[in-house]
Amino acid sequence: MIPVSVGTSRVVQGISVEHVCGEPELSPERDQRLQKHITMTALEALQTEVDKPTLFTPTEDYEQPKEAVHAT
């Protein structure tokens, strides 16, 4: 992967060069969940301390919406 090989500190893997943060073949609802998942992975990458080029790969759990956890 070029960004890692040139020393970029944080790289979030997208879908493809043409569609970095989405997949036009998905339904609009699934595409929106995927976009949100990639964005959340990017936010996690920004909060993670790194000392060398690091690849952050979104997992496939964007398919299942997470339940809200409420503190009592």
PDB file of N, CA and C in Angstrom:
ATOM      1  N   MET A   1       0.854  -1.166   0.000  1.00  0.00           N
ATOM      2  CA  MET A   1       0.000   0.000   0.000  1.00  0.00           C
ATOM      3  C   MET A   1       0.904   1.234   0.000  1.00  0.00           C
ATOM      4  N   ILE A   2       0.704   2.086  -0.963  1.00  0.00           N
ATOM      5  CA  ILE A   2       1.582   3.236  -1.168  1.00  0.00           C
ATOM      6  C   ILE A   2       1.648   4.172   0.039  1.00  0.00           C
ATOM      7  N   PRO A   3       0.518   4.587   0.651  1.00  0.00           N
ATOM      8  CA  PRO A   3       0.654   5.527   1.786  1.00  0.00           C
ATOM      9  C   PRO A   3       1.519   4.975   2.926  1.00  0.00           C
ATOM     10  N   VAL A   4       1.419   3.688   3.206  1.00  0.00           N
ATOM     11  CA  VAL A   4       2.230   3.095   4.274  1.00  0.00           C
ATOM     12  C   VAL A   4       3.694   3.043   3.844  1.00  0.00           C
ATOM     13  N   SER A   5       3.942   2.704   2.577  1.00  0.00           N
ATOM     14  CA  SER A   5       5.329   2.576   2.117  1.00  0.00           C
ATOM     15  C   SER A   5       6.056   3.921   2.058  1.00  0.00           C
ATOM     16  N   VAL A   6       5.333   5.026   1.917  1.00  0.00           N
ATOM     17  CA  VAL A   6       5.987   6.334   1.889  1.00  0.00           C
ATOM     18  C   VAL A   6       6.045   6.983   3.264  1.00  0.00           C
ATOM     19  N   GLY A   7       5.519   6.289   4.289  1.00  0.00           N
ATOM     20  CA  GLY A   7       5.683   6.772   5.653  1.00  0.00           C
ATOM     21  C   GLY A   7       4.530   7.552   6.241  1.00  0.00           C
ATOM     22  N   THR A   8       3.363   7.503   5.628  1.00  0.00           N
ATOM     23  CA  THR A   8       2.198   8.180   6.204  1.00  0.00           C
ATOM     24  C   THR A   8       1.900   7.545   7.561  1.00  0.00           C
ATOM     25  N   SER A   9       1.717   8.363   8.587  1.00  0.00           N
ATOM     26  CA  SER A   9       1.614   7.813   9.944  1.00  0.00           C
ATOM     27  C   SER A   9       0.328   7.029  10.181  1.00  0.00           C
ATOM     28  N   ARG A  10      -0.792   7.494   9.652  1.00  0.00           N
ATOM     29  CA  ARG A  10      -2.072   6.801   9.861  1.00  0.00           C
ATOM     30  C   ARG A  10      -2.778   6.668   8.521  1.00  0.00           C
ATOM     31  N   VAL A  11      -3.151   5.443   8.173  1.00  0.00           N
ATOM     32  CA  VAL A  11      -3.852   5.186   6.921  1.00  0.00           C
ATOM     33  C   VAL A  11      -5.109   4.388   7.241  1.00  0.00           C
ATOM     34  N   VAL A  12      -6.256   4.889   6.781  1.00  0.00           N
ATOM     35  CA  VAL A  12      -7.513   4.155   6.935  1.00  0.00           C
ATOM     36  C   VAL A  12      -7.845   3.570   5.574  1.00  0.00           C
ATOM     37  N   GLN A  13      -7.980   2.257   5.529  1.00  0.00           N
ATOM     38  CA  GLN A  13      -8.254   1.589   4.270  1.00  0.00           C
ATOM     39  C   GLN A  13      -9.691   1.860   3.835  1.00  0.00           C
ATOM     40  N   GLY A  14      -9.830   2.324   2.602  1.00  0.00           N
ATOM     41  CA  GLY A  14     -11.153   2.574   2.036  1.00  0.00           C
ATOM     42  C   GLY A  14     -11.585   1.408   1.156  1.00  0.00           C
ATOM     43  N   ILE A  15     -12.623   1.641   0.350  1.00  0.00           N
ATOM     44  CA  ILE A  15     -13.153   0.586  -0.502  1.00  0.00           C
ATOM     45  C   ILE A  15     -12.338   0.456  -1.778  1.00  0.00           C
ATOM     46  N   SER A  16     -12.169   1.552  -2.511  1.00  0.00           N
ATOM     47  CA  SER A  16     -11.379   1.555  -3.735  1.00  0.00           C
ATOM     48  C   SER A  16     -10.929   2.988  -4.011  1.00  0.00           C
ATOM     49  N   VAL A  17     -10.096   3.155  -5.002  1.00  0.00           N
ATOM     50  CA  VAL A  17      -9.619   4.500  -5.341  1.00  0.00           C
ATOM     51  C   VAL A  17     -10.787   5.370  -5.790  1.00  0.00           C
ATOM     52  N   GLU A  18     -11.692   4.792  -6.568  1.00  0.00           N
ATOM     53  CA  GLU A  18     -12.831   5.558  -7.078  1.00  0.00           C
ATOM     54  C   GLU A  18     -13.861   5.875  -5.998  1.00  0.00           C
ATOM     55  N   HIS A  19     -14.007   4.989  -5.029  1.00  0.00           N
ATOM     56  CA  HIS A  19     -15.021   5.133  -3.977  1.00  0.00           C
ATOM     57  C   HIS A  19     -14.362   4.855  -2.627  1.00  0.00           C
ATOM     58  N   VAL A  20     -13.617   5.826  -2.152  1.00  0.00           N
ATOM     59  CA  VAL A  20     -12.841   5.641  -0.923  1.00  0.00           C
ATOM     60  C   VAL A  20     -13.738   5.404   0.283  1.00  0.00           C
ATOM     61  N   CYS A  21     -14.804   6.167   0.385  1.00  0.00           N
ATOM     62  CA  CYS A  21     -15.632   6.119   1.591  1.00  0.00           C
ATOM     63  C   CYS A  21     -17.071   5.755   1.239  1.00  0.00           C
ATOM     64  N   GLY A  22     -17.244   4.647   0.535  1.00  0.00           N
ATOM     65  CA  GLY A  22     -18.584   4.203   0.183  1.00  0.00           C
ATOM     66  C   GLY A  22     -18.520   3.148  -0.900  1.00  0.00           C
ATOM     67  N   GLU A  23     -19.664   2.541  -1.177  1.00  0.00           N
ATOM     68  CA  GLU A  23     -19.762   1.488  -2.180  1.00  0.00           C
ATOM     69  C   GLU A  23     -21.072   1.680  -2.927  1.00  0.00           C
ATOM     70  N   PRO A  24     -21.019   2.213  -4.154  1.00  0.00           N
ATOM     71  CA  PRO A  24     -22.248   2.539  -4.879  1.00  0.00           C
ATOM     72  C   PRO A  24     -23.130   1.336  -5.203  1.00  0.00           C
ATOM     73  N   GLU A  25     -22.596   0.132  -5.130  1.00  0.00           N
ATOM     74  CA  GLU A  25     -23.399  -1.057  -5.418  1.00  0.00           C
ATOM     75  C   GLU A  25     -24.284  -1.468  -4.247  1.00  0.00           C
ATOM     76  N   LEU A  26     -24.048  -0.903  -3.068  1.00  0.00           N
ATOM     77  CA  LEU A  26     -24.865  -1.220  -1.898  1.00  0.00           C
ATOM     78  C   LEU A  26     -26.153  -0.412  -1.927  1.00  0.00           C
ATOM     79  N   SER A  27     -27.127  -0.865  -1.159  1.00  0.00           N
ATOM     80  CA  SER A  27     -28.343  -0.074  -0.999  1.00  0.00           C
ATOM     81  C   SER A  27     -27.967   1.229  -0.291  1.00  0.00           C
ATOM     82  N   PRO A  28     -28.770   2.282  -0.438  1.00  0.00           N
ATOM     83  CA  PRO A  28     -28.433   3.551   0.221  1.00  0.00           C
ATOM     84  C   PRO A  28     -28.245   3.410   1.732  1.00  0.00           C
ATOM     85  N   GLU A  29     -29.046   2.564   2.374  1.00  0.00           N
ATOM     86  CA  GLU A  29     -28.933   2.390   3.823  1.00  0.00           C
ATOM     87  C   GLU A  29     -27.621   1.714   4.199  1.00  0.00           C
ATOM     88  N   ARG A  30     -27.266   0.647   3.490  1.00  0.00           N
ATOM     89  CA  ARG A  30     -26.020  -0.064   3.793  1.00  0.00           C
ATOM     90  C   ARG A  30     -24.805   0.799   3.453  1.00  0.00           C
ATOM     91  N   ASP A  31     -24.903   1.564   2.350  1.00  0.00           N
ATOM     92  CA  ASP A  31     -23.806   2.453   1.973  1.00  0.00           C
ATOM     93  C   ASP A  31     -23.587   3.516   3.049  1.00  0.00           C
ATOM     94  N   GLN A  32     -24.659   4.047   3.595  1.00  0.00           N
ATOM     95  CA  GLN A  32     -24.535   5.047   4.655  1.00  0.00           C
ATOM     96  C   GLN A  32     -23.894   4.442   5.898  1.00  0.00           C
ATOM     97  N   ARG A  33     -24.274   3.201   6.251  1.00  0.00           N
ATOM     98  CA  ARG A  33     -23.650   2.534   7.405  1.00  0.00           C
ATOM     99  C   ARG A  33     -22.163   2.319   7.157  1.00  0.00           C
ATOM    100  N   LEU A  34     -21.808   1.929   5.924  1.00  0.00           N
ATOM    101  CA  LEU A  34     -20.401   1.734   5.581  1.00  0.00           C
ATOM    102  C   LEU A  34     -19.633   3.044   5.686  1.00  0.00           C
ATOM    103  N   GLN A  35     -20.193   4.124   5.157  1.00  0.00           N
ATOM    104  CA  GLN A  35     -19.547   5.434   5.232  1.00  0.00           C
ATOM    105  C   GLN A  35     -19.314   5.839   6.684  1.00  0.00           C
ATOM    106  N   LYS A  36     -20.310   5.624   7.512  1.00  0.00           N
ATOM    107  CA  LYS A  36     -20.179   5.971   8.931  1.00  0.00           C
ATOM    108  C   LYS A  36     -19.107   5.112   9.588  1.00  0.00           C
ATOM    109  N   HIS A  37     -19.063   3.845   9.241  1.00  0.00           N
ATOM    110  CA  HIS A  37     -18.088   2.939   9.841  1.00  0.00           C
ATOM    111  C   HIS A  37     -16.658   3.343   9.460  1.00  0.00           C
ATOM    112  N   ILE A  38     -16.444   3.695   8.199  1.00  0.00           N
ATOM    113  CA  ILE A  38     -15.115   4.133   7.775  1.00  0.00           C
ATOM    114  C   ILE A  38     -14.736   5.431   8.486  1.00  0.00           C
ATOM    115  N   THR A  39     -15.693   6.329   8.619  1.00  0.00           N
ATOM    116  CA  THR A  39     -15.437   7.595   9.313  1.00  0.00           C
ATOM    117  C   THR A  39     -15.103   7.359  10.777  1.00  0.00           C
ATOM    118  N   MET A  40     -15.819   6.455  11.437  1.00  0.00           N
ATOM    119  CA  MET A  40     -15.536   6.151  12.843  1.00  0.00           C
ATOM    120  C   MET A  40     -14.150   5.509  12.986  1.00  0.00           C
ATOM    121  N   THR A  41     -13.766   4.681  12.020  1.00  0.00           N
ATOM    122  CA  THR A  41     -12.430   4.091  12.041  1.00  0.00           C
ATOM    123  C   THR A  41     -11.374   5.185  11.907  1.00  0.00           C
ATOM    124  N   ALA A  42     -11.640   6.182  11.058  1.00  0.00           N
ATOM    125  CA  ALA A  42     -10.710   7.306  10.897  1.00  0.00           C
ATOM    126  C   ALA A  42     -10.579   8.100  12.198  1.00  0.00           C
ATOM    127  N   LEU A  43     -11.693   8.329  12.885  1.00  0.00           N
ATOM    128  CA  LEU A  43     -11.635   9.038  14.163  1.00  0.00           C
ATOM    129  C   LEU A  43     -10.851   8.242  15.194  1.00  0.00           C
ATOM    130  N   GLU A  44     -11.027   6.919  15.196  1.00  0.00           N
ATOM    131  CA  GLU A  44     -10.264   6.057  16.097  1.00  0.00           C
ATOM    132  C   GLU A  44      -8.775   6.143  15.765  1.00  0.00           C
ATOM    133  N   ALA A  45      -8.442   6.199  14.471  1.00  0.00           N
ATOM    134  CA  ALA A  45      -7.042   6.302  14.053  1.00  0.00           C
ATOM    135  C   ALA A  45      -6.419   7.594  14.562  1.00  0.00           C
ATOM    136  N   LEU A  46      -7.170   8.681  14.508  1.00  0.00           N
ATOM    137  CA  LEU A  46      -6.651   9.961  14.978  1.00  0.00           C
ATOM    138  C   LEU A  46      -6.389   9.974  16.481  1.00  0.00           C
ATOM    139  N   GLN A  47      -7.138   9.160  17.213  1.00  0.00           N
ATOM    140  CA  GLN A  47      -6.990   9.114  18.665  1.00  0.00           C
ATOM    141  C   GLN A  47      -5.949   8.088  19.120  1.00  0.00           C
ATOM    142  N   THR A  48      -5.432   7.301  18.190  1.00  0.00           N
ATOM    143  CA  THR A  48      -4.479   6.249  18.518  1.00  0.00           C
ATOM    144  C   THR A  48      -3.057   6.772  18.361  1.00  0.00           C
ATOM    145  N   GLU A  49      -2.259   6.586  19.396  1.00  0.00           N
ATOM    146  CA  GLU A  49      -0.863   7.001  19.337  1.00  0.00           C
ATOM    147  C   GLU A  49      -0.090   5.980  18.505  1.00  0.00           C
ATOM    148  N   VAL A  50       0.652   6.468  17.516  1.00  0.00           N
ATOM    149  CA  VAL A  50       1.443   5.584  16.661  1.00  0.00           C
ATOM    150  C   VAL A  50       2.868   6.111  16.596  1.00  0.00           C
ATOM    151  N   ASP A  51       3.816   5.203  16.368  1.00  0.00           N
ATOM    152  CA  ASP A  51       5.215   5.619  16.232  1.00  0.00           C
ATOM    153  C   ASP A  51       5.814   5.181  14.899  1.00  0.00           C
ATOM    154  N   LYS A  52       4.991   4.593  14.046  1.00  0.00           N
ATOM    155  CA  LYS A  52       5.412   4.181  12.709  1.00  0.00           C
ATOM    156  C   LYS A  52       4.166   4.159  11.824  1.00  0.00           C
ATOM    157  N   PRO A  53       4.317   4.034  10.520  1.00  0.00           N
ATOM    158  CA  PRO A  53       3.136   3.966   9.653  1.00  0.00           C
ATOM    159  C   PRO A  53       2.205   2.832  10.086  1.00  0.00           C
ATOM    160  N   THR A  54       0.940   3.157  10.246  1.00  0.00           N
ATOM    161  CA  THR A  54      -0.034   2.197  10.762  1.00  0.00           C
ATOM    162  C   THR A  54      -1.265   2.184   9.869  1.00  0.00           C
ATOM    163  N   LEU A  55      -1.697   0.986   9.487  1.00  0.00           N
ATOM    164  CA  LEU A  55      -2.888   0.800   8.666  1.00  0.00           C
ATOM    165  C   LEU A  55      -4.063   0.444   9.559  1.00  0.00           C
ATOM    166  N   PHE A  56      -5.133   1.204   9.442  1.00  0.00           N
ATOM    167  CA  PHE A  56      -6.369   0.932  10.170  1.00  0.00           C
ATOM    168  C   PHE A  56      -7.377   0.396   9.165  1.00  0.00           C
ATOM    169  N   THR A  57      -7.857  -0.819   9.403  1.00  0.00           N
ATOM    170  CA  THR A  57      -8.777  -1.462   8.484  1.00  0.00           C
ATOM    171  C   THR A  57     -10.148  -1.569   9.133  1.00  0.00           C
ATOM    172  N   PRO A  58     -11.159  -0.926   8.537  1.00  0.00           N
ATOM    173  CA  PRO A  58     -12.513  -1.095   9.074  1.00  0.00           C
ATOM    174  C   PRO A  58     -12.929  -2.561   8.998  1.00  0.00           C
ATOM    175  N   THR A  59     -13.553  -3.039  10.049  1.00  0.00           N
ATOM    176  CA  THR A  59     -14.018  -4.421  10.062  1.00  0.00           C
ATOM    177  C   THR A  59     -15.386  -4.500   9.402  1.00  0.00           C
ATOM    178  N   GLU A  60     -15.895  -5.676   9.262  1.00  0.00           N
ATOM    179  CA  GLU A  60     -17.174  -5.886   8.598  1.00  0.00           C
ATOM    180  C   GLU A  60     -18.369  -5.680   9.515  1.00  0.00           C
ATOM    181  N   ASP A  61     -18.173  -5.212  10.747  1.00  0.00           N
ATOM    182  CA  ASP A  61     -19.301  -5.104  11.670  1.00  0.00           C
ATOM    183  C   ASP A  61     -20.224  -3.929  11.362  1.00  0.00           C
ATOM    184  N   TYR A  62     -19.954  -3.179  10.273  1.00  0.00           N
ATOM    185  CA  TYR A  62     -20.870  -2.099   9.913  1.00  0.00           C
ATOM    186  C   TYR A  62     -22.221  -2.644   9.483  1.00  0.00           C
ATOM    187  N   GLU A  63     -22.272  -3.935   9.144  1.00  0.00           N
ATOM    188  CA  GLU A  63     -23.523  -4.556   8.718  1.00  0.00           C
ATOM    189  C   GLU A  63     -24.549  -4.581   9.840  1.00  0.00           C
ATOM    190  N   GLN A  64     -24.089  -4.741  11.056  1.00  0.00           N
ATOM    191  CA  GLN A  64     -24.978  -4.850  12.205  1.00  0.00           C
ATOM    192  C   GLN A  64     -24.931  -3.584  13.037  1.00  0.00           C
ATOM    193  N   PRO A  65     -26.024  -2.813  13.102  1.00  0.00           N
ATOM    194  CA  PRO A  65     -26.001  -1.633  13.955  1.00  0.00           C
ATOM    195  C   PRO A  65     -25.779  -2.023  15.412  1.00  0.00           C
ATOM    196  N   LYS A  66     -24.971  -1.245  16.105  1.00  0.00           N
ATOM    197  CA  LYS A  66     -24.698  -1.544  17.505  1.00  0.00           C
ATOM    198  C   LYS A  66     -25.818  -1.006  18.380  1.00  0.00           C
ATOM    199  N   GLU A  67     -26.103  -1.744  19.460  1.00  0.00           N
ATOM    200  CA  GLU A  67     -27.114  -1.295  20.403  1.00  0.00           C
ATOM    201  C   GLU A  67     -26.538  -0.185  21.270  1.00  0.00           C
ATOM    202  N   ALA A  68     -27.370   0.768  21.592  1.00  0.00           N
ATOM    203  CA  ALA A  68     -26.943   1.834  22.485  1.00  0.00           C
ATOM    204  C   ALA A  68     -26.817   1.281  23.897  1.00  0.00           C
ATOM    205  N   VAL A  69     -25.799   1.715  24.603  1.00  0.00           N
ATOM    206  CA  VAL A  69     -25.605   1.306  25.990  1.00  0.00           C
ATOM    207  C   VAL A  69     -25.950   2.513  26.862  1.00  0.00           C
ATOM    208  N   HIS A  70     -26.859   2.288  27.789  1.00  0.00           N
ATOM    209  CA  HIS A  70     -27.292   3.380  28.663  1.00  0.00           C
ATOM    210  C   HIS A  70     -26.796   3.114  30.076  1.00  0.00           C
ATOM    211  N   ALA A  71     -26.133   4.102  30.638  1.00  0.00           N
ATOM    212  CA  ALA A  71     -25.670   3.985  32.016  1.00  0.00           C
ATOM    213  C   ALA A  71     -26.800   4.342  32.950  1.00  0.00           C
ATOM    214  N   THR A  72     -26.922   3.598  34.020  1.00  0.00           N
ATOM    215  CA  THR A  72     -27.977   3.894  34.999  1.00  0.00           C
ATOM    216  C   THR A  72     -27.394   4.305  36.323  1.00  0.00           C
TER     217      THR A  72
END
